[in-house]
C-alpha cells in the first residue's frame, strides 16, 4: 500500500534529481507525509488520496470545482 500510494498520490514517482542527498530528502518527506496522512485517515476515513485532497481543499479554501477553476485562472 505504501509504495503504490506514495507513487500515485504523493509524487514519489515523478521526482528526478541527480544529487543523492536530495533524493534521500524527498523520500524522507514522502514517508513523513504518508505517516501524517495515515493518522488523519484513521480519524476521518477514506483513502490517503482522499485525505490529501480534503486537506488541500481546506488549506486553500477550495469548496467546489468551480472555485478550483477560478483559483487556477487567477494564477
Protein backbone atom coordinates (compact mmCIF):
# COMPACT_ATOMS: atom_id res chain seq x y z
CA UNK A 1 0.00 0.00 0.00
CA UNK A 2 2.73 2.48 0.94
CA UNK A 3 4.63 2.01 -2.32
CA UNK A 4 1.59 2.35 -4.57
CA UNK A 5 0.04 5.33 -2.77
CA UNK A 6 3.39 7.08 -2.42
CA UNK A 7 3.93 6.87 -6.16
CA UNK A 8 0.37 7.67 -7.20
CA UNK A 9 -0.71 10.23 -4.60
CA UNK A 10 2.41 11.75 -3.04
CA UNK A 11 4.72 12.31 -6.01
CA UNK A 12 7.38 9.72 -5.31
CA UNK A 13 7.48 8.58 -8.94
CA UNK A 14 7.66 11.99 -10.63
CA UNK A 15 10.69 13.34 -8.80
CA UNK A 16 14.01 13.31 -10.67
CA UNK A 17 17.32 14.51 -9.23
CA UNK A 18 20.99 13.93 -9.78
CA UNK A 19 22.04 14.63 -6.20
CA UNK A 20 21.80 11.65 -3.85
CA UNK A 21 21.04 13.79 -0.76
CA UNK A 22 18.09 15.47 -2.49
CA UNK A 23 16.68 12.06 -3.37
CA UNK A 24 17.07 10.86 0.22
CA UNK A 25 15.39 14.04 1.50
CA UNK A 26 12.47 13.69 -0.91
CA UNK A 27 11.85 10.06 0.04
CA UNK A 28 12.01 11.04 3.70
CA UNK A 29 9.42 13.78 3.22
CA UNK A 30 7.16 11.40 1.30
CA UNK A 31 7.39 8.94 4.21
CA UNK A 32 6.56 11.72 6.67
CA UNK A 33 3.60 12.89 4.57
CA UNK A 34 2.33 9.31 4.26
CA UNK A 35 2.59 8.83 8.03
CA UNK A 36 0.71 12.03 8.81
CA UNK A 37 -1.97 11.30 6.22
CA UNK A 38 -2.35 7.78 7.63
CA UNK A 39 -3.06 9.23 11.07
CA UNK A 40 -5.63 11.63 9.61
CA UNK A 41 -7.15 8.79 7.58
CA UNK A 42 -7.77 6.80 10.75
CA UNK A 43 -9.68 9.73 12.22
CA UNK A 44 -11.53 10.85 9.09
CA UNK A 45 -11.83 7.70 6.98
CA UNK A 46 -11.28 7.37 3.25
CA UNK A 47 -8.06 6.76 1.38
CA UNK A 48 -4.72 8.55 1.59
CA UNK A 49 -5.60 10.40 -1.61
CA UNK A 50 -8.99 11.47 -0.27
CA UNK A 51 -7.44 12.80 2.92
CA UNK A 52 -4.73 14.61 0.95
CA UNK A 53 -7.24 16.31 -1.35
CA UNK A 54 -9.57 17.19 1.54
CA UNK A 55 -6.63 18.73 3.39
CA UNK A 56 -5.57 20.69 0.32
CA UNK A 57 -9.12 21.94 -0.13
CA UNK A 58 -9.23 23.04 3.49
CA UNK A 59 -5.83 24.77 3.37
CA UNK A 60 -6.51 26.58 0.10
CA UNK A 61 -10.19 27.26 0.88
CA UNK A 62 -11.49 25.42 -2.16
CA UNK A 63 -15.11 24.40 -1.81
CA UNK A 64 -16.03 23.28 -5.33
CA UNK A 65 -14.59 22.54 -8.74
CA UNK A 66 -15.73 25.99 -9.91
CA UNK A 67 -13.65 27.57 -7.14
CA UNK A 68 -10.69 25.43 -8.19
CA UNK A 69 -11.02 26.60 -11.78
CA UNK A 70 -11.30 30.25 -10.76
CA UNK A 71 -8.26 29.98 -8.48
CA UNK A 72 -6.18 28.42 -11.25
CA UNK A 73 -7.19 31.21 -13.60
CA UNK A 74 -6.12 33.78 -11.01
CA UNK A 75 -2.53 32.46 -11.04
